[in-house]
């Protein structure tokens, strides 16, 4: 649908503050994800297109006050840092944060997920590029400005534990698979230990959702990052789990292992660190993919968007495979198998 873009994110005649023009922008709404952000492809006056990102909460009084105090949207701050450190991110063409707008370079519609639907034969080379890009980024972002928003938030024990409970609340309780009293006690103890273990690892830059729908394939074949505004400090494998145990893709074990090898080489790891990487990958797989399964149910029940439910089986398959590789998580495997058919 073609519409005229107003300053509130709705179609209509309104001054576009980002351009400083009274003429309305001609735009087409783009498909979004699970967040509240909305995207529009806009026709530029001199030709070509750009992407307008509208953040509904961006224009709230408290957010405007932050802007007038010299603070910036996390999206803009993180984008600037990534660009400085050599990560390919979309250019900023204009911004009107006080009214909730940013105008971005148009990277097209070829997310990695979409591109592979048309070019499945390119999967290995593109995933090799994605893991090598991630390894280089982690090295270049090993040191962060102390005032960085990234440095102010982390996957600590509390957040990791909350995400596991998110699975229990939505993928179990909300779907009629509530744990028995004994299994709930066992589950809570295991979840505590898992969150404590992961939170104790060395932390570094983490995109937080580094997967096929948040990576754009440029015509050159290079990969650009999007949706990085929630970046924080976390375990080195977190983004690898999001990428290689992507709920929207299917990979065999050999493919994943090969990409882990490439990441380890790109990061300069020795054989011992590569072995540790595999163990960490499995533990974070259990934590992250349980959270994803719960999140997909939450998005359906609360946000009324059932489109992610189809990805629950893949998420739980990754959990099942990781649990099978880690004998010390056998108790969790047993608890879940009694209540979740996909993990039986």
Protein backbone atom coordinates (compact mmCIF):
# COMPACT_ATOMS: atom_id res chain seq x y z
CA UNK A 1 0.00 0.00 0.00
CA UNK A 2 1.33 3.42 -0.94
CA UNK A 3 0.62 6.16 1.59
CA UNK A 4 1.79 9.55 2.78
CA UNK A 5 3.89 9.31 5.89
CA UNK A 6 3.03 11.47 8.88
CA UNK A 7 5.06 12.25 11.98
CA UNK A 8 3.07 9.81 14.15
CA UNK A 9 3.77 6.75 12.04
CA UNK A 10 0.36 6.82 10.38
CA UNK A 11 -0.41 7.70 6.80
CA UNK A 12 -1.38 11.32 6.34
CA UNK A 13 -0.30 14.81 5.38
CA UNK A 14 2.31 16.02 7.86
CA UNK A 15 5.53 17.95 7.81
CA UNK A 16 8.51 15.63 7.62
CA UNK A 17 10.89 17.00 10.24
CA UNK A 18 13.74 14.79 9.12
CA UNK A 19 13.76 16.38 5.67
CA UNK A 20 12.70 19.86 6.75
CA UNK A 21 10.04 19.84 4.02
CA UNK A 22 6.28 20.36 4.10
CA UNK A 23 5.74 17.84 1.32
CA UNK A 24 4.56 14.42 2.47
CA UNK A 25 6.73 11.37 1.95
CA UNK A 26 5.36 8.72 -0.36
CA UNK A 27 5.87 5.40 1.36
CA UNK A 28 5.07 1.71 1.36
CA UNK A 29 4.74 -0.17 4.64
CA UNK A 30 7.30 -2.96 5.06
CA UNK A 31 6.90 -6.21 6.91
CA UNK A 32 8.21 -5.94 10.45
CA UNK A 33 9.17 -8.43 13.13
CA UNK A 34 7.98 -8.97 16.67
CA UNK A 35 8.89 -5.51 18.00
CA UNK A 36 6.80 -2.32 18.09
CA UNK A 37 9.00 -0.66 15.48
CA UNK A 38 7.43 0.01 12.10
CA UNK A 39 9.23 0.35 8.78
CA UNK A 40 8.33 2.15 5.56
CA UNK A 41 10.10 2.28 2.22
CA UNK A 42 10.06 5.92 1.12
CA UNK A 43 10.71 7.54 -2.24
CA UNK A 44 13.42 10.20 -2.05
CA UNK A 45 12.89 13.53 -3.85
CA UNK A 46 16.02 13.10 -5.96
CA UNK A 47 15.31 9.48 -6.83
CA UNK A 48 16.01 6.21 -5.10
CA UNK A 49 14.52 4.98 -1.85
CA UNK A 50 15.27 4.93 1.85
CA UNK A 51 13.80 3.15 4.86
CA UNK A 52 11.97 5.10 7.53
CA UNK A 53 12.03 3.45 10.95
CA UNK A 54 9.31 4.64 13.30
CA UNK A 55 9.70 3.90 17.00
CA UNK A 56 6.35 4.57 18.73
CA UNK A 57 7.91 5.02 22.15
CA UNK A 58 10.62 7.29 20.76
CA UNK A 59 8.45 10.39 20.87
CA UNK A 60 7.18 9.93 24.41
CA UNK A 61 7.91 12.88 26.75
CA UNK A 62 10.40 10.93 28.84
CA UNK A 63 12.31 9.86 25.72
CA UNK A 64 12.33 13.40 24.35
CA UNK A 65 13.71 14.59 27.71
CA UNK A 66 16.57 12.12 27.36
CA UNK A 67 17.34 13.48 23.91
CA UNK A 68 17.39 17.09 25.15
CA UNK A 69 19.75 15.94 27.92
CA UNK A 70 22.28 14.85 25.32
CA UNK A 71 21.50 11.13 25.30
CA UNK A 72 20.91 9.26 22.05
CA UNK A 73 18.76 6.37 21.01
CA UNK A 74 20.61 3.09 21.62
CA UNK A 75 20.10 2.26 17.92
CA UNK A 76 22.05 5.33 16.85
CA UNK A 77 24.75 4.96 19.48
CA UNK A 78 25.35 1.28 18.75
CA UNK A 79 25.27 1.86 14.97
CA UNK A 80 27.92 4.56 15.24
CA UNK A 81 30.20 2.35 17.33
CA UNK A 82 29.79 -0.62 14.98
CA UNK A 83 30.57 1.54 11.96
CA UNK A 84 33.68 2.91 13.67
CA UNK A 85 34.88 -0.64 14.38
CA UNK A 86 34.45 -1.83 10.80
CA UNK A 87 31.06 -3.54 10.94
CA UNK A 88 28.83 -3.06 7.89
CA UNK A 89 25.66 -1.28 9.10
CA UNK A 90 23.08 0.88 7.27
CA UNK A 91 23.92 4.55 6.86
CA UNK A 92 21.83 7.19 8.63
CA UNK A 93 20.34 9.64 6.14
CA UNK A 94 18.35 11.74 8.61
CA UNK A 95 16.92 11.55 12.10
CA UNK A 96 14.06 13.15 14.00
CA UNK A 97 14.27 11.19 17.22
CA UNK A 98 12.10 13.63 19.16
CA UNK A 99 9.20 12.48 17.00
CA UNK A 100 10.29 8.86 16.76
CA UNK A 101 11.87 8.76 13.29
CA UNK A 102 15.13 7.68 11.68
CA UNK A 103 15.69 7.56 7.92
CA UNK A 104 18.08 4.76 6.92
CA UNK A 105 19.91 3.55 3.88
CA UNK A 106 17.69 1.09 1.99
CA UNK A 107 19.42 -2.29 2.05
CA UNK A 108 16.70 -3.95 -0.01
CA UNK A 109 14.67 -7.01 0.94
CA UNK A 110 17.40 -9.65 0.87
CA UNK A 111 17.75 -10.70 4.46
CA UNK A 112 19.97 -13.75 4.68
CA UNK A 113 16.80 -15.82 5.15
CA UNK A 114 15.14 -14.38 2.03
CA UNK A 115 18.29 -14.58 -0.06
CA UNK A 116 18.78 -18.26 0.68
CA UNK A 117 15.25 -19.07 -0.45
CA UNK A 118 16.35 -17.95 -3.93
CA UNK A 119 19.99 -19.01 -3.73
CA UNK A 120 20.24 -22.11 -1.48
CA UNK A 121 23.57 -23.04 -3.01
CA UNK A 122 25.18 -20.00 -1.40
CA UNK A 123 24.41 -21.11 2.15
CA UNK A 124 27.88 -22.30 3.11
CA UNK A 125 29.76 -19.29 1.76
CA UNK A 126 27.36 -16.80 3.35
CA UNK A 127 27.37 -18.49 6.75
CA UNK A 128 31.15 -18.69 6.62
CA UNK A 129 31.15 -14.95 5.97
CA UNK A 130 28.70 -14.36 8.82
CA UNK A 131 30.75 -16.25 11.42
CA UNK A 132 34.00 -14.65 10.24
CA UNK A 133 32.38 -11.20 10.40
CA UNK A 134 31.24 -11.98 13.94
CA UNK A 135 34.70 -13.14 14.99
CA UNK A 136 36.29 -9.94 13.64
CA UNK A 137 33.64 -7.81 15.32
CA UNK A 138 34.17 -9.46 18.69
CA UNK A 139 37.90 -8.81 18.43
CA UNK A 140 37.45 -5.18 17.37
CA UNK A 141 34.81 -4.57 20.06
CA UNK A 142 36.78 -6.20 22.87
CA UNK A 143 37.32 -2.73 24.29
CA UNK A 144 34.25 -0.49 24.60
CA UNK A 145 33.95 3.17 25.55
CA UNK A 146 33.14 3.20 29.28
CA UNK A 147 30.08 5.40 28.67
CA UNK A 148 28.72 3.08 25.97
CA UNK A 149 25.15 1.87 26.44
CA UNK A 150 26.45 -1.61 25.58
CA UNK A 151 28.78 -1.58 28.57
CA UNK A 152 25.89 -0.63 30.86
CA UNK A 153 23.86 -3.82 30.36
CA UNK A 154 24.69 -7.49 30.34
CA UNK A 155 23.43 -11.04 30.30
CA UNK A 156 23.81 -11.36 34.03
CA UNK A 157 22.44 -14.22 36.10
CA UNK A 158 19.14 -12.44 36.73
CA UNK A 159 18.40 -11.85 33.05
CA UNK A 160 19.42 -15.35 32.01
CA UNK A 161 17.26 -16.81 34.75
CA UNK A 162 14.32 -14.66 33.72
CA UNK A 163 14.58 -15.94 30.17
CA UNK A 164 14.45 -19.55 31.33
CA UNK A 165 11.38 -18.73 33.41
CA UNK A 166 9.88 -17.12 30.32
CA UNK A 167 10.00 -20.59 28.75
CA UNK A 168 8.36 -22.19 31.75
CA UNK A 169 5.63 -19.57 31.94
CA UNK A 170 4.69 -19.61 28.26
CA UNK A 171 5.93 -22.80 26.57
CA UNK A 172 4.88 -24.96 29.54
CA UNK A 173 2.26 -23.35 31.77
CA UNK A 174 0.41 -21.46 29.04
CA UNK A 175 0.26 -24.54 26.80
CA UNK A 176 -1.08 -26.82 29.51
CA UNK A 177 2.24 -28.54 30.31
CA UNK A 178 2.65 -27.23 33.86
CA UNK A 179 5.36 -28.95 35.89
CA UNK A 180 4.49 -31.11 38.87
CA UNK A 181 5.65 -29.82 42.25
CA UNK A 182 8.65 -32.16 42.26
CA UNK A 183 9.60 -31.33 38.69
CA UNK A 184 9.19 -27.61 39.36
CA UNK A 185 11.66 -27.84 42.24
CA UNK A 186 14.12 -29.75 40.06
CA UNK A 187 13.63 -27.35 37.14
CA UNK A 188 14.24 -24.29 39.31
CA UNK A 189 17.45 -25.74 40.74
CA UNK A 190 18.79 -26.64 37.30
CA UNK A 191 17.80 -23.25 35.89
CA UNK A 192 19.61 -21.50 38.71
CA UNK A 193 22.79 -23.46 38.04
CA UNK A 194 22.60 -22.97 34.28
CA UNK A 195 22.10 -19.21 34.57
CA UNK A 196 24.89 -18.95 37.15
CA UNK A 197 27.29 -20.92 34.97
CA UNK A 198 26.67 -18.90 31.81
CA UNK A 199 26.76 -15.56 33.63
CA UNK A 200 30.19 -16.45 35.05
CA UNK A 201 31.87 -16.64 31.65
CA UNK A 202 33.88 -13.75 30.25
CA UNK A 203 31.60 -11.22 28.56
CA UNK A 204 32.01 -9.31 25.35
CA UNK A 205 29.99 -7.54 22.68
CA UNK A 206 26.77 -9.41 21.89
CA UNK A 207 24.37 -8.38 19.14
CA UNK A 208 21.69 -10.42 20.96
CA UNK A 209 19.71 -11.48 17.87
CA UNK A 210 22.34 -12.28 15.26
CA UNK A 211 20.26 -14.49 12.96
CA UNK A 212 19.17 -14.83 9.35
CA UNK A 213 16.39 -12.21 9.54
CA UNK A 214 18.73 -9.58 10.96
CA UNK A 215 21.51 -9.93 8.41
CA UNK A 216 21.18 -8.28 5.00
CA UNK A 217 22.94 -9.57 1.89
CA UNK A 218 24.20 -6.72 -0.26
CA UNK A 219 24.47 -7.13 -4.06
CA UNK A 220 28.22 -7.51 -3.56
CA UNK A 221 27.63 -10.52 -1.31
CA UNK A 222 28.78 -8.69 1.80
CA UNK A 223 26.59 -8.91 4.89
CA UNK A 224 25.22 -5.89 6.75
CA UNK A 225 23.86 -5.99 10.31
CA UNK A 226 20.50 -4.63 11.42
CA UNK A 227 18.36 -4.74 14.60
CA UNK A 228 21.38 -4.23 16.86
CA UNK A 229 19.86 -1.67 19.26
CA UNK A 230 19.63 -4.21 22.11
CA UNK A 231 23.35 -5.06 22.02
CA UNK A 232 24.87 -5.79 25.41
CA UNK A 233 27.67 -7.72 27.09
CA UNK A 234 27.28 -11.48 26.98
CA UNK A 235 29.02 -14.81 26.41
CA UNK A 236 31.09 -15.14 23.26
CA UNK A 237 28.87 -17.94 21.92
CA UNK A 238 25.51 -16.20 22.32
CA UNK A 239 25.45 -14.74 18.81
CA UNK A 240 26.81 -18.00 17.39
CA UNK A 241 23.87 -19.86 18.92
CA UNK A 242 21.43 -17.34 17.44
CA UNK A 243 23.06 -17.76 14.01
CA UNK A 244 23.81 -21.49 13.86
CA UNK A 245 20.82 -22.72 15.84
CA UNK A 246 18.51 -20.28 14.08
CA UNK A 247 14.86 -21.19 14.62
CA UNK A 248 14.14 -20.07 11.06
CA UNK A 249 16.76 -22.29 9.38
CA UNK A 250 17.77 -25.97 9.30
CA UNK A 251 21.40 -27.11 9.66
CA UNK A 252 22.99 -30.48 10.21
CA UNK A 253 25.61 -31.10 12.87
CA UNK A 254 28.52 -31.17 10.42
CA UNK A 255 27.56 -27.76 9.04
CA UNK A 256 27.45 -26.22 12.51
CA UNK A 257 30.74 -27.77 13.57
CA UNK A 258 32.45 -26.46 10.43
CA UNK A 259 31.21 -22.94 11.11
CA UNK A 260 32.39 -23.15 14.74
CA UNK A 261 35.82 -24.11 13.44
CA UNK A 262 35.80 -21.08 11.15
CA UNK A 263 34.76 -18.80 13.99
CA UNK A 264 37.49 -20.18 16.24
CA UNK A 265 40.09 -19.64 13.52
CA UNK A 266 38.87 -16.09 12.91
CA UNK A 267 39.02 -15.32 16.63
CA UNK A 268 42.51 -16.84 16.95
CA UNK A 269 41.52 -19.64 19.37
CA UNK A 270 43.78 -22.59 20.08
CA UNK A 271 42.56 -26.21 20.31
CA UNK A 272 41.66 -25.95 23.99
CA UNK A 273 39.61 -22.79 23.45
CA UNK A 274 37.87 -24.44 20.48
CA UNK A 275 36.85 -27.34 22.72
CA UNK A 276 35.53 -24.93 25.35
CA UNK A 277 33.63 -23.10 22.63
CA UNK A 278 31.67 -26.26 21.78
CA UNK A 279 30.68 -26.83 25.42
CA UNK A 280 29.61 -23.24 25.88
CA UNK A 281 27.68 -23.41 22.63
CA UNK A 282 25.59 -26.31 23.97
CA UNK A 283 24.82 -24.67 27.32
CA UNK A 284 23.75 -21.42 25.70
CA UNK A 285 21.74 -23.35 23.12
CA UNK A 286 19.67 -24.85 25.93
CA UNK A 287 19.13 -21.46 27.57
CA UNK A 288 18.53 -19.40 24.41
CA UNK A 289 16.33 -21.84 22.53
CA UNK A 290 14.15 -22.56 25.56
CA UNK A 291 13.65 -18.81 25.82
CA UNK A 292 12.82 -18.60 22.12
CA UNK A 293 10.17 -21.31 22.40
CA UNK A 294 8.54 -19.44 25.26
CA UNK A 295 8.84 -16.11 23.46
CA UNK A 296 7.06 -17.41 20.38
CA UNK A 297 4.09 -18.46 22.50
CA UNK A 298 4.15 -15.09 24.30
CA UNK A 299 4.07 -13.24 20.96
CA UNK A 300 1.06 -15.32 19.92
CA UNK A 301 -0.90 -15.01 23.17
CA UNK A 302 -0.05 -11.42 24.14
CA UNK A 303 0.76 -9.66 20.87
CA UNK A 304 -1.74 -11.71 18.84
CA UNK A 305 0.86 -12.68 16.25
CA UNK A 306 0.84 -16.45 15.65
CA UNK A 307 3.41 -16.29 12.87
CA UNK A 308 6.29 -17.45 15.08
CA UNK A 309 4.59 -20.59 16.41
CA UNK A 310 5.85 -22.60 13.45
CA UNK A 311 9.41 -22.06 14.71
CA UNK A 312 8.86 -23.75 18.08
CA UNK A 313 9.66 -27.31 16.86
CA UNK A 314 13.03 -26.23 15.46
CA UNK A 315 13.87 -24.36 18.68
CA UNK A 316 13.09 -27.41 20.81
CA UNK A 317 14.97 -29.74 18.46
CA UNK A 318 18.13 -27.71 19.06
CA UNK A 319 17.51 -28.00 22.81
CA UNK A 320 17.02 -31.76 22.58
CA UNK A 321 20.25 -32.22 20.60
CA UNK A 322 22.29 -30.03 22.95
CA UNK A 323 20.94 -31.84 26.03
CA UNK A 324 21.88 -35.15 24.48
CA UNK A 325 25.49 -33.98 24.16
CA UNK A 326 25.74 -32.84 27.79
CA UNK A 327 25.36 -35.67 30.35
CA UNK A 328 25.49 -33.17 33.22
CA UNK A 329 22.15 -31.79 31.99
CA UNK A 330 20.46 -35.19 32.00
CA UNK A 331 18.20 -34.19 34.91
CA UNK A 332 16.85 -31.22 32.95
CA UNK A 333 16.35 -33.45 29.93
CA UNK A 334 14.30 -35.85 32.05
CA UNK A 335 12.13 -33.12 33.54
CA UNK A 336 11.37 -31.56 30.20
CA UNK A 337 10.74 -34.89 28.47
CA UNK A 338 7.89 -35.60 30.91
CA UNK A 339 6.10 -32.39 30.01
CA UNK A 340 7.09 -31.33 26.50
CA UNK A 341 6.23 -33.80 23.72
CA UNK A 342 8.91 -32.35 21.42
CA UNK A 343 11.61 -33.12 24.01
CA UNK A 344 10.50 -36.66 24.76
